[in-house]
Amino acid sequence: MRAPIEIRGIEALSKRFAALGAMDGIAPALRAEAESVAAAARERLKEGGRTGDLAGTVEVTAVRDRADPAFAVGTGEAAGFYLEFGTARMRAMPWLVPVLHARLPGINHAVRKVIAAALKARAKA
């Protein structure tokens, strides 16, 4: 069971900067940031006496049903969902959303860097 977290607005950005060639660098930048989120989520799962078994199932996958580059970070294990959101008998112990929130400035910076480089290259051409 996977509950992907989605960053909205990338489609509009994709349309605006496609002419600049900015999208060539955005997919690798987003993949790298998704890998960073996954690594931090794995570490968070290992902290606090939690089992590392679930950490081993955290993965990054490309979202294929979109025209723009998108990546999902999560696990196919139901325990990941229950731990993140809780159940009627267990309080939530989020392990993914806090990591994503902490990494958002880095994600924004990486995308801005790619766009700035594309704009600079366009200005030189």
PDB file of N, CA and C in Angstrom:
ATOM      1  N   MET A   1       0.846  -1.165   0.000  1.00  0.00           N
ATOM      2  CA  MET A   1       0.000   0.000   0.000  1.00  0.00           C
ATOM      3  C   MET A   1       0.899   1.238   0.000  1.00  0.00           C
ATOM      4  N   ARG A   2       0.809   2.063  -1.012  1.00  0.00           N
ATOM      5  CA  ARG A   2       1.673   3.225  -1.138  1.00  0.00           C
ATOM      6  C   ARG A   2       0.825   4.479  -1.175  1.00  0.00           C
ATOM      7  N   ALA A   3       1.171   5.441  -0.349  1.00  0.00           N
ATOM      8  CA  ALA A   3       0.518   6.740  -0.348  1.00  0.00           C
ATOM      9  C   ALA A   3       1.551   7.767  -0.791  1.00  0.00           C
ATOM     10  N   PRO A   4       1.694   8.001  -2.111  1.00  0.00           N
ATOM     11  CA  PRO A   4       2.740   8.909  -2.576  1.00  0.00           C
ATOM     12  C   PRO A   4       2.461  10.347  -2.149  1.00  0.00           C
ATOM     13  N   ILE A   5       3.521  11.050  -1.929  1.00  0.00           N
ATOM     14  CA  ILE A   5       3.432  12.468  -1.620  1.00  0.00           C
ATOM     15  C   ILE A   5       3.780  13.198  -2.901  1.00  0.00           C
ATOM     16  N   GLU A   6       2.961  14.138  -3.257  1.00  0.00           N
ATOM     17  CA  GLU A   6       3.100  14.791  -4.540  1.00  0.00           C
ATOM     18  C   GLU A   6       3.421  16.269  -4.341  1.00  0.00           C
ATOM     19  N   ILE A   7       4.373  16.768  -5.096  1.00  0.00           N
ATOM     20  CA  ILE A   7       4.673  18.193  -5.104  1.00  0.00           C
ATOM     21  C   ILE A   7       3.964  18.766  -6.309  1.00  0.00           C
ATOM     22  N   ARG A   8       3.035  19.661  -6.071  1.00  0.00           N
ATOM     23  CA  ARG A   8       2.206  20.202  -7.148  1.00  0.00           C
ATOM     24  C   ARG A   8       2.885  21.377  -7.834  1.00  0.00           C
ATOM     25  N   GLY A   9       2.502  21.610  -9.069  1.00  0.00           N
ATOM     26  CA  GLY A   9       3.003  22.747  -9.815  1.00  0.00           C
ATOM     27  C   GLY A   9       4.076  22.394 -10.825  1.00  0.00           C
ATOM     28  N   ILE A  10       4.570  21.181 -10.790  1.00  0.00           N
ATOM     29  CA  ILE A  10       5.651  20.805 -11.707  1.00  0.00           C
ATOM     30  C   ILE A  10       5.146  20.768 -13.153  1.00  0.00           C
ATOM     31  N   GLU A  11       3.858  20.463 -13.368  1.00  0.00           N
ATOM     32  CA  GLU A  11       3.336  20.437 -14.736  1.00  0.00           C
ATOM     33  C   GLU A  11       3.359  21.825 -15.364  1.00  0.00           C
ATOM     34  N   ALA A  12       2.924  22.834 -14.607  1.00  0.00           N
ATOM     35  CA  ALA A  12       2.939  24.206 -15.114  1.00  0.00           C
ATOM     36  C   ALA A  12       4.379  24.650 -15.367  1.00  0.00           C
ATOM     37  N   LEU A  13       5.259  24.298 -14.453  1.00  0.00           N
ATOM     38  CA  LEU A  13       6.667  24.628 -14.608  1.00  0.00           C
ATOM     39  C   LEU A  13       7.238  23.937 -15.841  1.00  0.00           C
ATOM     40  N   SER A  14       6.846  22.711 -16.046  1.00  0.00           N
ATOM     41  CA  SER A  14       7.300  21.948 -17.202  1.00  0.00           C
ATOM     42  C   SER A  14       6.915  22.637 -18.501  1.00  0.00           C
ATOM     43  N   LYS A  15       5.691  23.100 -18.594  1.00  0.00           N
ATOM     44  CA  LYS A  15       5.217  23.760 -19.805  1.00  0.00           C
ATOM     45  C   LYS A  15       5.955  25.071 -20.053  1.00  0.00           C
ATOM     46  N   ARG A  16       6.194  25.818 -18.967  1.00  0.00           N
ATOM     47  CA  ARG A  16       6.853  27.115 -19.116  1.00  0.00           C
ATOM     48  C   ARG A  16       8.308  27.007 -19.520  1.00  0.00           C
ATOM     49  N   PHE A  17       9.000  26.013 -19.021  1.00  0.00           N
ATOM     50  CA  PHE A  17      10.430  25.925 -19.252  1.00  0.00           C
ATOM     51  C   PHE A  17      10.845  24.862 -20.270  1.00  0.00           C
ATOM     52  N   ALA A  18       9.892  24.177 -20.860  1.00  0.00           N
ATOM     53  CA  ALA A  18      10.231  23.158 -21.854  1.00  0.00           C
ATOM     54  C   ALA A  18      10.997  23.768 -23.020  1.00  0.00           C
ATOM     55  N   ALA A  19      10.606  24.973 -23.405  1.00  0.00           N
ATOM     56  CA  ALA A  19      11.271  25.641 -24.521  1.00  0.00           C
ATOM     57  C   ALA A  19      12.725  25.985 -24.183  1.00  0.00           C
ATOM     58  N   LEU A  20      13.030  26.120 -22.926  1.00  0.00           N
ATOM     59  CA  LEU A  20      14.383  26.469 -22.511  1.00  0.00           C
ATOM     60  C   LEU A  20      15.287  25.256 -22.386  1.00  0.00           C
ATOM     61  N   GLY A  21      14.722  24.084 -22.433  1.00  0.00           N
ATOM     62  CA  GLY A  21      15.519  22.882 -22.228  1.00  0.00           C
ATOM     63  C   GLY A  21      15.753  22.593 -20.760  1.00  0.00           C
ATOM     64  N   ALA A  22      15.055  23.302 -19.883  1.00  0.00           N
ATOM     65  CA  ALA A  22      15.259  23.130 -18.441  1.00  0.00           C
ATOM     66  C   ALA A  22      14.859  21.746 -17.973  1.00  0.00           C
ATOM     67  N   MET A  23      13.939  21.121 -18.649  1.00  0.00           N
ATOM     68  CA  MET A  23      13.450  19.828 -18.182  1.00  0.00           C
ATOM     69  C   MET A  23      14.500  18.733 -18.323  1.00  0.00           C
ATOM     70  N   ASP A  24      15.482  18.930 -19.163  1.00  0.00           N
ATOM     71  CA  ASP A  24      16.538  17.927 -19.299  1.00  0.00           C
ATOM     72  C   ASP A  24      17.242  17.676 -17.976  1.00  0.00           C
ATOM     73  N   GLY A  25      17.428  18.717 -17.178  1.00  0.00           N
ATOM     74  CA  GLY A  25      18.131  18.571 -15.913  1.00  0.00           C
ATOM     75  C   GLY A  25      17.231  18.382 -14.717  1.00  0.00           C
ATOM     76  N   ILE A  26      15.944  18.621 -14.874  1.00  0.00           N
ATOM     77  CA  ILE A  26      15.044  18.535 -13.726  1.00  0.00           C
ATOM     78  C   ILE A  26      14.829  17.084 -13.293  1.00  0.00           C
ATOM     79  N   ALA A  27      14.678  16.174 -14.237  1.00  0.00           N
ATOM     80  CA  ALA A  27      14.440  14.774 -13.859  1.00  0.00           C
ATOM     81  C   ALA A  27      15.584  14.209 -13.014  1.00  0.00           C
ATOM     82  N   PRO A  28      16.852  14.377 -13.423  1.00  0.00           N
ATOM     83  CA  PRO A  28      17.932  13.873 -12.567  1.00  0.00           C
ATOM     84  C   PRO A  28      17.999  14.577 -11.210  1.00  0.00           C
ATOM     85  N   ALA A  29      17.704  15.872 -11.194  1.00  0.00           N
ATOM     86  CA  ALA A  29      17.718  16.616  -9.925  1.00  0.00           C
ATOM     87  C   ALA A  29      16.612  16.106  -9.003  1.00  0.00           C
ATOM     88  N   LEU A  30      15.418  15.882  -9.559  1.00  0.00           N
ATOM     89  CA  LEU A  30      14.317  15.370  -8.747  1.00  0.00           C
ATOM     90  C   LEU A  30      14.594  13.946  -8.274  1.00  0.00           C
ATOM     91  N   ARG A  31      15.197  13.129  -9.125  1.00  0.00           N
ATOM     92  CA  ARG A  31      15.554  11.759  -8.744  1.00  0.00           C
ATOM     93  C   ARG A  31      16.544  11.789  -7.580  1.00  0.00           C
ATOM     94  N   ALA A  32      17.551  12.656  -7.664  1.00  0.00           N
ATOM     95  CA  ALA A  32      18.542  12.766  -6.592  1.00  0.00           C
ATOM     96  C   ALA A  32      17.897  13.224  -5.289  1.00  0.00           C
ATOM     97  N   GLU A  33      16.978  14.165  -5.373  1.00  0.00           N
ATOM     98  CA  GLU A  33      16.295  14.638  -4.165  1.00  0.00           C
ATOM     99  C   GLU A  33      15.388  13.552  -3.593  1.00  0.00           C
ATOM    100  N   ALA A  34      14.736  12.791  -4.465  1.00  0.00           N
ATOM    101  CA  ALA A  34      13.896  11.680  -3.992  1.00  0.00           C
ATOM    102  C   ALA A  34      14.753  10.639  -3.286  1.00  0.00           C
ATOM    103  N   GLU A  35      15.944  10.375  -3.820  1.00  0.00           N
ATOM    104  CA  GLU A  35      16.859   9.425  -3.171  1.00  0.00           C
ATOM    105  C   GLU A  35      17.285   9.945  -1.798  1.00  0.00           C
ATOM    106  N   SER A  36      17.489  11.260  -1.681  1.00  0.00           N
ATOM    107  CA  SER A  36      17.834  11.862  -0.386  1.00  0.00           C
ATOM    108  C   SER A  36      16.689  11.711   0.614  1.00  0.00           C
ATOM    109  N   VAL A  37      15.477  11.927   0.151  1.00  0.00           N
ATOM    110  CA  VAL A  37      14.299  11.754   1.014  1.00  0.00           C
ATOM    111  C   VAL A  37      14.212  10.297   1.465  1.00  0.00           C
ATOM    112  N   ALA A  38      14.408   9.373   0.541  1.00  0.00           N
ATOM    113  CA  ALA A  38      14.334   7.944   0.874  1.00  0.00           C
ATOM    114  C   ALA A  38      15.403   7.566   1.893  1.00  0.00           C
ATOM    115  N   ALA A  39      16.616   8.056   1.705  1.00  0.00           N
ATOM    116  CA  ALA A  39      17.704   7.739   2.641  1.00  0.00           C
ATOM    117  C   ALA A  39      17.400   8.277   4.039  1.00  0.00           C
ATOM    118  N   ALA A  40      16.900   9.500   4.100  1.00  0.00           N
ATOM    119  CA  ALA A  40      16.558  10.089   5.397  1.00  0.00           C
ATOM    120  C   ALA A  40      15.381   9.353   6.041  1.00  0.00           C
ATOM    121  N   ALA A  41      14.426   8.916   5.231  1.00  0.00           N
ATOM    122  CA  ALA A  41      13.285   8.156   5.755  1.00  0.00           C
ATOM    123  C   ALA A  41      13.744   6.811   6.308  1.00  0.00           C
ATOM    124  N   ARG A  42      14.677   6.180   5.620  1.00  0.00           N
ATOM    125  CA  ARG A  42      15.223   4.907   6.122  1.00  0.00           C
ATOM    126  C   ARG A  42      15.894   5.108   7.475  1.00  0.00           C
ATOM    127  N   GLU A  43      16.671   6.176   7.582  1.00  0.00           N
ATOM    128  CA  GLU A  43      17.344   6.470   8.854  1.00  0.00           C
ATOM    129  C   GLU A  43      16.332   6.731   9.958  1.00  0.00           C
ATOM    130  N   ARG A  44      15.280   7.460   9.629  1.00  0.00           N
ATOM    131  CA  ARG A  44      14.251   7.765  10.630  1.00  0.00           C
ATOM    132  C   ARG A  44      13.566   6.486  11.113  1.00  0.00           C
ATOM    133  N   LEU A  45      13.358   5.548  10.205  1.00  0.00           N
ATOM    134  CA  LEU A  45      12.735   4.282  10.589  1.00  0.00           C
ATOM    135  C   LEU A  45      13.638   3.467  11.508  1.00  0.00           C
ATOM    136  N   LYS A  46      14.938   3.622  11.358  1.00  0.00           N
ATOM    137  CA  LYS A  46      15.881   2.872  12.195  1.00  0.00           C
ATOM    138  C   LYS A  46      16.066   3.495  13.569  1.00  0.00           C
ATOM    139  N   GLU A  47      15.690   4.783  13.722  1.00  0.00           N
ATOM    140  CA  GLU A  47      15.845   5.490  15.000  1.00  0.00           C
ATOM    141  C   GLU A  47      14.789   5.046  16.004  1.00  0.00           C
ATOM    142  N   GLY A  48      15.032   5.357  17.230  1.00  0.00           N
ATOM    143  CA  GLY A  48      14.031   5.171  18.276  1.00  0.00           C
ATOM    144  C   GLY A  48      13.647   3.735  18.554  1.00  0.00           C
ATOM    145  N   GLY A  49      14.540   2.798  18.290  1.00  0.00           N
ATOM    146  CA  GLY A  49      14.243   1.405  18.603  1.00  0.00           C
ATOM    147  C   GLY A  49      13.293   0.736  17.636  1.00  0.00           C
ATOM    148  N   ARG A  50      12.926   1.429  16.566  1.00  0.00           N
ATOM    149  CA  ARG A  50      12.057   0.802  15.562  1.00  0.00           C
ATOM    150  C   ARG A  50      12.862  -0.207  14.770  1.00  0.00           C
ATOM    151  N   THR A  51      12.188  -1.132  14.193  1.00  0.00           N
ATOM    152  CA  THR A  51      12.866  -2.169  13.423  1.00  0.00           C
ATOM    153  C   THR A  51      13.403  -1.609  12.113  1.00  0.00           C
ATOM    154  N   GLY A  52      14.526  -2.085  11.705  1.00  0.00           N
ATOM    155  CA  GLY A  52      15.110  -1.669  10.442  1.00  0.00           C
ATOM    156  C   GLY A  52      14.554  -2.436   9.264  1.00  0.00           C
ATOM    157  N   ASP A  53      13.729  -3.454   9.520  1.00  0.00           N
ATOM    158  CA  ASP A  53      13.175  -4.264   8.430  1.00  0.00           C
ATOM    159  C   ASP A  53      12.362  -3.421   7.462  1.00  0.00           C
ATOM    160  N   LEU A  54      11.542  -2.538   8.001  1.00  0.00           N
ATOM    161  CA  LEU A  54      10.715  -1.683   7.155  1.00  0.00           C
ATOM    162  C   LEU A  54      11.592  -0.715   6.374  1.00  0.00           C
ATOM    163  N   ALA A  55      12.664  -0.244   6.984  1.00  0.00           N
ATOM    164  CA  ALA A  55      13.573   0.686   6.310  1.00  0.00           C
ATOM    165  C   ALA A  55      14.125   0.077   5.029  1.00  0.00           C
ATOM    166  N   GLY A  56      14.350  -1.201   5.028  1.00  0.00           N
ATOM    167  CA  GLY A  56      14.878  -1.874   3.848  1.00  0.00           C
ATOM    168  C   GLY A  56      13.912  -1.940   2.685  1.00  0.00           C
ATOM    169  N   THR A  57      12.654  -1.629   2.923  1.00  0.00           N
ATOM    170  CA  THR A  57      11.656  -1.687   1.849  1.00  0.00           C
ATOM    171  C   THR A  57      11.360  -0.320   1.242  1.00  0.00           C
ATOM    172  N   VAL A  58      11.939   0.741   1.803  1.00  0.00           N
ATOM    173  CA  VAL A  58      11.694   2.087   1.280  1.00  0.00           C
ATOM    174  C   VAL A  58      12.410   2.221  -0.059  1.00  0.00           C
ATOM    175  N   GLU A  59      11.674   2.683  -1.060  1.00  0.00           N
ATOM    176  CA  GLU A  59      12.237   2.783  -2.403  1.00  0.00           C
ATOM    177  C   GLU A  59      11.746   4.024  -3.127  1.00  0.00           C
ATOM    178  N   VAL A  60      12.452   4.371  -4.166  1.00  0.00           N
ATOM    179  CA  VAL A  60      12.088   5.482  -5.048  1.00  0.00           C
ATOM    180  C   VAL A  60      11.646   4.864  -6.364  1.00  0.00           C
ATOM    181  N   THR A  61      10.488   5.286  -6.847  1.00  0.00           N
ATOM    182  CA  THR A  61      10.008   4.795  -8.140  1.00  0.00           C
ATOM    183  C   THR A  61       9.595   5.978  -9.004  1.00  0.00           C
ATOM    184  N   ALA A  62       9.830   5.856 -10.299  1.00  0.00           N
ATOM    185  CA  ALA A  62       9.382   6.875 -11.244  1.00  0.00           C
ATOM    186  C   ALA A  62       7.888   6.708 -11.446  1.00  0.00           C
ATOM    187  N   VAL A  63       7.166   7.814 -11.450  1.00  0.00           N
ATOM    188  CA  VAL A  63       5.725   7.787 -11.702  1.00  0.00           C
ATOM    189  C   VAL A  63       5.559   7.855 -13.210  1.00  0.00           C
ATOM    190  N   ARG A  64       5.105   6.780 -13.794  1.00  0.00           N
ATOM    191  CA  ARG A  64       5.082   6.635 -15.258  1.00  0.00           C
ATOM    192  C   ARG A  64       3.829   7.203 -15.924  1.00  0.00           C
ATOM    193  N   ASP A  65       2.781   7.469 -15.175  1.00  0.00           N
ATOM    194  CA  ASP A  65       1.537   7.914 -15.796  1.00  0.00           C
ATOM    195  C   ASP A  65       1.445   9.438 -15.901  1.00  0.00           C
ATOM    196  N   ARG A  66       2.589  10.108 -15.935  1.00  0.00           N
ATOM    197  CA  ARG A  66       2.622  11.564 -16.026  1.00  0.00           C
ATOM    198  C   ARG A  66       3.540  11.977 -17.169  1.00  0.00           C
ATOM    199  N   ALA A  67       3.254  13.137 -17.748  1.00  0.00           N
ATOM    200  CA  ALA A  67       4.092  13.645 -18.831  1.00  0.00           C
ATOM    201  C   ALA A  67       5.367  14.281 -18.279  1.00  0.00           C
ATOM    202  N   ASP A  68       5.285  14.826 -17.078  1.00  0.00           N
ATOM    203  CA  ASP A  68       6.440  15.484 -16.477  1.00  0.00           C
ATOM    204  C   ASP A  68       7.155  14.519 -15.533  1.00  0.00           C
ATOM    205  N   PRO A  69       8.423  14.801 -15.228  1.00  0.00           N
ATOM    206  CA  PRO A  69       9.143  13.879 -14.345  1.00  0.00           C
ATOM    207  C   PRO A  69       8.577  13.917 -12.926  1.00  0.00           C
ATOM    208  N   ALA A  70       8.334  12.756 -12.373  1.00  0.00           N
ATOM    209  CA  ALA A  70       7.815  12.661 -11.005  1.00  0.00           C
ATOM    210  C   ALA A  70       8.323  11.363 -10.390  1.00  0.00           C
ATOM    211  N   PHE A  71       8.603  11.420  -9.100  1.00  0.00           N
ATOM    212  CA  PHE A  71       9.108  10.262  -8.386  1.00  0.00           C
ATOM    213  C   PHE A  71       8.343  10.096  -7.088  1.00  0.00           C
ATOM    214  N   ALA A  72       8.074   8.853  -6.740  1.00  0.00           N
ATOM    215  CA  ALA A  72       7.375   8.533  -5.497  1.00  0.00           C
ATOM    216  C   ALA A  72       8.377   7.877  -4.548  1.00  0.00           C
ATOM    217  N   VAL A  73       8.270   8.230  -3.281  1.00  0.00           N
ATOM    218  CA  VAL A  73       9.086   7.607  -2.241  1.00  0.00           C
ATOM    219  C   VAL A  73       8.125   6.908  -1.298  1.00  0.00           C
ATOM    220  N   GLY A  74       8.373   5.654  -1.012  1.00  0.00           N
ATOM    221  CA  GLY A  74       7.481   4.940  -0.102  1.00  0.00           C
ATOM    222  C   GLY A  74       7.852   3.479   0.003  1.00  0.00           C
ATOM    223  N   THR A  75       6.925   2.730   0.533  1.00  0.00           N
ATOM    224  CA  THR A  75       7.110   1.297   0.693  1.00  0.00           C
ATOM    225  C   THR A  75       5.820   0.592   0.299  1.00  0.00           C
ATOM    226  N   GLY A  76       5.958  -0.596  -0.187  1.00  0.00           N
ATOM    227  CA  GLY A  76       4.792  -1.402  -0.511  1.00  0.00           C
ATOM    228  C   GLY A  76       4.248  -2.146   0.695  1.00  0.00           C
ATOM    229  N   GLU A  77       4.931  -2.036   1.823  1.00  0.00           N
ATOM    230  CA  GLU A  77       4.508  -2.717   3.047  1.00  0.00           C
ATOM    231  C   GLU A  77       3.391  -1.939   3.740  1.00  0.00           C
ATOM    232  N   ALA A  78       2.337  -2.618   4.110  1.00  0.00           N
ATOM    233  CA  ALA A  78       1.216  -1.980   4.806  1.00  0.00           C
ATOM    234  C   ALA A  78       1.667  -1.366   6.127  1.00  0.00           C
ATOM    235  N   ALA A  79       2.664  -1.957   6.761  1.00  0.00           N
ATOM    236  CA  ALA A  79       3.160  -1.434   8.043  1.00  0.00           C
ATOM    237  C   ALA A  79       3.644  -0.005   7.904  1.00  0.00           C
ATOM    238  N   GLY A  80       4.199   0.361   6.746  1.00  0.00           N
ATOM    239  CA  GLY A  80       4.650   1.734   6.523  1.00  0.00           C
ATOM    240  C   GLY A  80       3.496   2.716   6.577  1.00  0.00           C
ATOM    241  N   PHE A  81       2.393   2.350   5.954  1.00  0.00           N
ATOM    242  CA  PHE A  81       1.191   3.190   5.970  1.00  0.00           C
ATOM    243  C   PHE A  81       0.640   3.322   7.382  1.00  0.00           C
ATOM    244  N   TYR A  82       0.527   2.204   8.083  1.00  0.00           N
ATOM    245  CA  TYR A  82      -0.036   2.215   9.436  1.00  0.00           C
ATOM    246  C   TYR A  82       0.854   3.003  10.396  1.00  0.00           C
ATOM    247  N   LEU A  83       2.150   2.885  10.229  1.00  0.00           N
ATOM    248  CA  LEU A  83       3.066   3.619  11.079  1.00  0.00           C
ATOM    249  C   LEU A  83       2.967   5.122  10.794  1.00  0.00           C
ATOM    250  N   GLU A  84       2.877   5.485   9.542  1.00  0.00           N
ATOM    251  CA  GLU A  84       2.804   6.892   9.150  1.00  0.00           C
ATOM    252  C   GLU A  84       1.504   7.553   9.613  1.00  0.00           C
ATOM    253  N   PHE A  85       0.388   6.870   9.441  1.00  0.00           N
ATOM    254  CA  PHE A  85      -0.912   7.486   9.697  1.00  0.00           C
ATOM    255  C   PHE A  85      -1.645   6.954  10.924  1.00  0.00           C
ATOM    256  N   GLY A  86      -1.166   5.872  11.494  1.00  0.00           N
ATOM    257  CA  GLY A  86      -1.803   5.305  12.669  1.00  0.00           C
ATOM    258  C   GLY A  86      -3.000   4.441  12.319  1.00  0.00           C
ATOM    259  N   THR A  87      -3.566   3.837  13.363  1.00  0.00           N
ATOM    260  CA  THR A  87      -4.765   3.019  13.219  1.00  0.00           C
ATOM    261  C   THR A  87      -5.696   3.362  14.373  1.00  0.00           C
ATOM    262  N   ALA A  88      -6.801   2.674  14.462  1.00  0.00           N
ATOM    263  CA  ALA A  88      -7.724   2.891  15.577  1.00  0.00           C
ATOM    264  C   ALA A  88      -7.084   2.489  16.906  1.00  0.00           C
ATOM    265  N   ARG A  89      -6.090   1.601  16.855  1.00  0.00           N
ATOM    266  CA  ARG A  89      -5.458   1.106  18.073  1.00  0.00           C
ATOM    267  C   ARG A  89      -4.036   1.613  18.296  1.00  0.00           C
ATOM    268  N   MET A  90      -3.490   2.327  17.309  1.00  0.00           N
ATOM    269  CA  MET A  90      -2.104   2.766  17.412  1.00  0.00           C
ATOM    270  C   MET A  90      -1.988   4.210  16.928  1.00  0.00           C
ATOM    271  N   ARG A  91      -1.292   5.019  17.706  1.00  0.00           N
ATOM    272  CA  ARG A  91      -1.116   6.412  17.281  1.00  0.00           C
ATOM    273  C   ARG A  91      -0.154   6.461  16.097  1.00  0.00           C
ATOM    274  N   ALA A  92      -0.281   7.490  15.303  1.00  0.00           N
ATOM    275  CA  ALA A  92       0.599   7.666  14.150  1.00  0.00           C
ATOM    276  C   ALA A  92       2.011   7.988  14.626  1.00  0.00           C
ATOM    277  N   MET A  93       2.980   7.425  13.951  1.00  0.00           N
ATOM    278  CA  MET A  93       4.390   7.723  14.191  1.00  0.00           C
ATOM    279  C   MET A  93       5.025   8.042  12.840  1.00  0.00           C
ATOM    280  N   PRO A  94       4.747   9.252  12.323  1.00  0.00           N
ATOM    281  CA  PRO A  94       5.185   9.600  10.970  1.00  0.00           C
ATOM    282  C   PRO A  94       6.695   9.439  10.775  1.00  0.00           C
ATOM    283  N   TRP A  95       7.051   8.867   9.655  1.00  0.00           N
ATOM    284  CA  TRP A  95       8.450   8.653   9.315  1.00  0.00           C
ATOM    285  C   TRP A  95       8.811   9.220   7.940  1.00  0.00           C
ATOM    286  N   LEU A  96       7.797   9.497   7.108  1.00  0.00           N
ATOM    287  CA  LEU A  96       8.061   9.993   5.758  1.00  0.00           C
ATOM    288  C   LEU A  96       7.716  11.470   5.598  1.00  0.00           C
ATOM    289  N   VAL A  97       6.550  11.883   6.032  1.00  0.00           N
ATOM    290  CA  VAL A  97       6.129  13.274   5.855  1.00  0.00           C
ATOM    291  C   VAL A  97       7.087  14.253   6.537  1.00  0.00           C
ATOM    292  N   PRO A  98       7.537  13.996   7.771  1.00  0.00           N
ATOM    293  CA  PRO A  98       8.483  14.933   8.383  1.00  0.00           C
ATOM    294  C   PRO A  98       9.798  15.052   7.595  1.00  0.00           C
ATOM    295  N   VAL A  99      10.240  13.949   7.026  1.00  0.00           N
ATOM    296  CA  VAL A  99      11.460  13.975   6.222  1.00  0.00           C
ATOM    297  C   VAL A  99      11.238  14.808   4.967  1.00  0.00           C
ATOM    298  N   LEU A 100      10.111  14.619   4.315  1.00  0.00           N
ATOM    299  CA  LEU A 100       9.808  15.391   3.110  1.00  0.00           C
ATOM    300  C   LEU A 100       9.766  16.879   3.429  1.00  0.00           C
ATOM    301  N   HIS A 101       9.096  17.242   4.507  1.00  0.00           N
ATOM    302  CA  HIS A 101       9.011  18.652   4.889  1.00  0.00           C
ATOM    303  C   HIS A 101      10.395  19.232   5.162  1.00  0.00           C
ATOM    304  N   ALA A 102      11.250  18.457   5.782  1.00  0.00           N
ATOM    305  CA  ALA A 102      12.606  18.919   6.078  1.00  0.00           C
ATOM    306  C   ALA A 102      13.426  19.082   4.798  1.00  0.00           C
ATOM    307  N   ARG A 103      13.165  18.264   3.792  1.00  0.00           N
ATOM    308  CA  ARG A 103      13.931  18.297   2.542  1.00  0.00           C
ATOM    309  C   ARG A 103      13.377  19.271   1.503  1.00  0.00           C
ATOM    310  N   LEU A 104      12.184  19.820   1.711  1.00  0.00           N
ATOM    311  CA  LEU A 104      11.585  20.707   0.708  1.00  0.00           C
ATOM    312  C   LEU A 104      12.480  21.877   0.306  1.00  0.00           C
ATOM    313  N   PRO A 105      13.152  22.547   1.244  1.00  0.00           N
ATOM    314  CA  PRO A 105      14.043  23.631   0.810  1.00  0.00           C
ATOM    315  C   PRO A 105      15.139  23.137  -0.133  1.00  0.00           C
ATOM    316  N   GLY A 106      15.682  21.974   0.119  1.00  0.00           N
ATOM    317  CA  GLY A 106      16.700  21.405  -0.766  1.00  0.00           C
ATOM    318  C   GLY A 106      16.143  21.055  -2.128  1.00  0.00           C
ATOM    319  N   ILE A 107      14.933  20.539  -2.153  1.00  0.00           N
ATOM    320  CA  ILE A 107      14.278  20.214  -3.422  1.00  0.00           C
ATOM    321  C   ILE A 107      14.053  21.488  -4.232  1.00  0.00           C
ATOM    322  N   ASN A 108      13.522  22.510  -3.579  1.00  0.00           N
ATOM    323  CA  ASN A 108      13.299  23.792  -4.261  1.00  0.00           C
ATOM    324  C   ASN A 108      14.607  24.367  -4.787  1.00  0.00           C
ATOM    325  N   HIS A 109      15.661  24.297  -3.988  1.00  0.00           N
ATOM    326  CA  HIS A 109      16.959  24.815  -4.402  1.00  0.00           C
ATOM    327  C   HIS A 109      17.482  24.064  -5.627  1.00  0.00           C
ATOM    328  N   ALA A 110      17.362  22.752  -5.620  1.00  0.00           N
ATOM    329  CA  ALA A 110      17.844  21.945  -6.748  1.00  0.00           C
ATOM    330  C   ALA A 110      17.110  22.297  -8.035  1.00  0.00           C
ATOM    331  N   VAL A 111      15.801  22.468  -7.955  1.00  0.00           N
ATOM    332  CA  VAL A 111      15.014  22.817  -9.146  1.00  0.00           C
ATOM    333  C   VAL A 111      15.373  24.226  -9.616  1.00  0.00           C
ATOM    334  N   ARG A 112      15.523  25.146  -8.671  1.00  0.00           N
ATOM    335  CA  ARG A 112      15.907  26.520  -9.052  1.00  0.00           C
ATOM    336  C   ARG A 112      17.266  26.549  -9.739  1.00  0.00           C
ATOM    337  N   LYS A 113      18.215  25.732  -9.258  1.00  0.00           N
ATOM    338  CA  LYS A 113      19.541  25.676  -9.866  1.00  0.00           C
ATOM    339  C   LYS A 113      19.464  25.219 -11.319  1.00  0.00           C
ATOM    340  N   VAL A 114      18.647  24.201 -11.568  1.00  0.00           N
ATOM    341  CA  VAL A 114      18.500  23.688 -12.931  1.00  0.00           C
ATOM    342  C   VAL A 114      17.876  24.755 -13.823  1.00  0.00           C
ATOM    343  N   ILE A 115      16.863  25.428 -13.326  1.00  0.00           N
ATOM    344  CA  ILE A 115      16.195  26.474 -14.115  1.00  0.00           C
ATOM    345  C   ILE A 115      17.146  27.637 -14.375  1.00  0.00           C
ATOM    346  N   ALA A 116      17.883  28.058 -13.357  1.00  0.00           N
ATOM    347  CA  ALA A 116      18.835  29.160 -13.522  1.00  0.00           C
ATOM    348  C   ALA A 116      19.896  28.802 -14.560  1.00  0.00           C
ATOM    349  N   ALA A 117      20.391  27.565 -14.534  1.00  0.00           N
ATOM    350  CA  ALA A 117      21.393  27.137 -15.512  1.00  0.00           C
ATOM    351  C   ALA A 117      20.810  27.143 -16.923  1.00  0.00           C
ATOM    352  N   ALA A 118      19.559  26.711 -17.058  1.00  0.00           N
ATOM    353  CA  ALA A 118      18.911  26.700 -18.374  1.00  0.00           C
ATOM    354  C   ALA A 118      18.702  28.126 -18.883  1.00  0.00           C
ATOM    355  N   LEU A 119      18.301  29.013 -17.994  1.00  0.00           N
ATOM    356  CA  LEU A 119      18.110  30.418 -18.389  1.00  0.00           C
ATOM    357  C   LEU A 119      19.444  31.049 -18.797  1.00  0.00           C
ATOM    358  N   LYS A 120      20.494  30.723 -18.057  1.00  0.00           N
ATOM    359  CA  LYS A 120      21.826  31.260 -18.371  1.00  0.00           C
ATOM    360  C   LYS A 120      22.300  30.743 -19.734  1.00  0.00           C
ATOM    361  N   ALA A 121      22.096  29.452 -19.970  1.00  0.00           N
ATOM    362  CA  ALA A 121      22.487  28.867 -21.252  1.00  0.00           C
ATOM    363  C   ALA A 121      21.682  29.482 -22.390  1.00  0.00           C
ATOM    364  N   ARG A 122      20.418  29.720 -22.146  1.00  0.00           N
ATOM    365  CA  ARG A 122      19.539  30.325 -23.162  1.00  0.00           C
ATOM    366  C   ARG A 122      19.992  31.756 -23.484  1.00  0.00           C
ATOM    367  N   ALA A 123      20.407  32.485 -22.436  1.00  0.00           N
ATOM    368  CA  ALA A 123      20.840  33.868 -22.635  1.00  0.00           C
ATOM    369  C   ALA A 123      22.131  33.929 -23.454  1.00  0.00           C
ATOM    370  N   LYS A 124      23.004  32.923 -23.314  1.00  0.00           N
ATOM    371  CA  LYS A 124      24.259  32.874 -24.067  1.00  0.00           C
ATOM    372  C   LYS A 124      24.041  32.492 -25.519  1.00  0.00           C
ATOM    373  N   ALA A 125      22.946  31.761 -25.789  1.00  0.00           N
ATOM    374  CA  ALA A 125      22.702  31.272 -27.151  1.00  0.00           C
ATOM    375  C   ALA A 125      22.220  32.356 -28.089  1.00  0.00           C
TER     376      ALA A 125
END
